[in-house]
Amino acid sequence: MCKQQKALVAPLSLAIAGLFVTAETASADCFDSVDTDSSGAVSYTEFIAAADGACDALVLDQIFDDADVNADGELNCEEFAKAAMDVDGCQP
């Protein structure tokens, strides 16, 4: 589990890639499911496919860009946790 995930106190329901998990398990369960190529990072393509329909496409682009703190074009575990929480707050 990501360090950032352990620090989260209040449980938060996430709905991404059809999975409903708490914030504490987002990195373990949801991250692995979205990382379809098992590279250890979630690519833009994987993120968009997993979040399809959760938000407007432009909003998803912005969420990904905002979460990709190191600007490497992929989301690591901590970055993905932030993006997943942002997607959960979207209105389609």
Protein backbone atom coordinates (compact mmCIF):
# COMPACT_ATOMS: atom_id res chain seq x y z
CA MET A 1 0.00 0.00 0.00
CA CYS A 2 1.22 3.50 -0.79
CA LYS A 3 2.43 5.70 2.05
CA GLN A 4 -0.10 8.33 1.03
CA GLN A 5 -2.90 5.78 1.25
CA LYS A 6 -1.94 4.81 4.81
CA ALA A 7 -2.16 8.46 5.81
CA LEU A 8 -5.78 8.79 4.71
CA VAL A 9 -8.06 8.76 7.72
CA ALA A 10 -11.60 8.96 6.40
CA PRO A 11 -12.73 6.12 4.15
CA LEU A 12 -13.61 7.24 0.67
CA SER A 13 -15.50 5.14 -1.81
CA LEU A 14 -13.92 5.02 -5.21
CA ALA A 15 -15.55 3.87 -8.38
CA ILE A 16 -13.08 3.35 -11.16
CA ALA A 17 -12.78 0.47 -13.60
CA GLY A 18 -16.03 -0.86 -12.19
CA LEU A 19 -14.45 -1.47 -8.76
CA PHE A 20 -15.78 -0.06 -5.51
CA VAL A 21 -13.07 0.10 -2.89
CA THR A 22 -12.09 2.21 0.08
CA ALA A 23 -9.25 4.70 -0.09
CA GLU A 24 -7.12 2.38 2.03
CA THR A 25 -7.29 -0.38 -0.58
CA ALA A 26 -7.25 1.75 -3.73
CA SER A 27 -3.57 1.24 -4.36
CA ALA A 28 -3.63 -2.51 -3.84
CA ASP A 29 -6.86 -3.52 -5.55
CA CYS A 30 -7.80 -0.81 -7.98
CA PHE A 31 -4.28 0.19 -9.03
CA ASP A 32 -3.41 -3.39 -10.00
CA SER A 33 -6.65 -3.76 -11.96
CA VAL A 34 -6.13 -0.53 -13.88
CA ASP A 35 -2.43 -1.30 -14.55
CA THR A 36 -3.44 -3.82 -17.22
CA ASP A 37 0.08 -4.32 -18.57
CA SER A 38 1.51 -4.89 -15.05
CA SER A 39 4.19 -2.25 -15.64
CA GLY A 40 3.93 -0.86 -12.13
CA ALA A 41 2.46 2.40 -13.43
CA VAL A 42 -0.86 3.46 -14.91
CA SER A 43 -0.47 4.95 -18.38
CA TYR A 44 -2.73 7.65 -19.76
CA THR A 45 -4.42 5.05 -21.97
CA GLU A 46 -5.06 2.72 -19.02
CA PHE A 47 -6.39 5.59 -16.93
CA ILE A 48 -8.78 6.83 -19.63
CA ALA A 49 -10.01 3.29 -20.32
CA ALA A 50 -10.65 2.66 -16.61
CA ALA A 51 -12.39 5.98 -16.00
CA ASP A 52 -14.44 5.91 -19.21
CA GLY A 53 -17.73 7.67 -18.69
CA ALA A 54 -16.95 8.84 -15.15
CA CYS A 55 -16.19 12.40 -16.29
CA ASP A 56 -16.03 14.52 -19.39
CA ALA A 57 -12.95 13.67 -21.47
CA LEU A 58 -11.41 17.11 -20.92
CA VAL A 59 -11.89 16.76 -17.17
CA LEU A 60 -10.20 13.35 -17.24
CA ASP A 61 -7.27 14.86 -19.14
CA GLN A 62 -6.91 17.54 -16.48
CA ILE A 63 -7.20 15.03 -13.62
CA PHE A 64 -4.45 12.90 -15.16
CA ASP A 65 -2.18 15.89 -15.76
CA ASP A 66 -2.73 17.24 -12.24
CA ALA A 67 -2.05 13.86 -10.64
CA ASP A 68 1.10 13.19 -12.72
CA VAL A 69 3.28 15.21 -10.35
CA ASN A 70 6.61 14.07 -11.84
CA ALA A 71 5.33 14.63 -15.40
CA ASP A 72 6.52 11.27 -16.69
CA GLY A 73 3.25 10.48 -18.48
CA GLU A 74 2.33 7.70 -16.05
CA LEU A 75 0.73 7.52 -12.63
CA ASN A 76 2.59 5.76 -9.85
CA CYS A 77 0.71 4.42 -6.85
CA GLU A 78 0.48 7.73 -4.97
CA GLU A 79 -0.39 9.70 -8.10
CA PHE A 80 -3.06 7.18 -9.04
CA ALA A 81 -4.65 7.42 -5.59
CA LYS A 82 -5.10 11.17 -6.05
CA ALA A 83 -6.47 10.77 -9.57
CA ALA A 84 -8.91 8.05 -8.47
CA MET A 85 -10.28 10.30 -5.72
CA ASP A 86 -10.69 13.14 -8.22
CA VAL A 87 -12.52 10.85 -10.67
CA ASP A 88 -14.80 9.73 -7.83
CA GLY A 89 -15.84 13.36 -7.38
CA CYS A 90 -16.77 13.83 -11.05
CA GLN A 91 -20.21 14.32 -12.41
CA PRO A 92 -20.59 12.69 -15.86
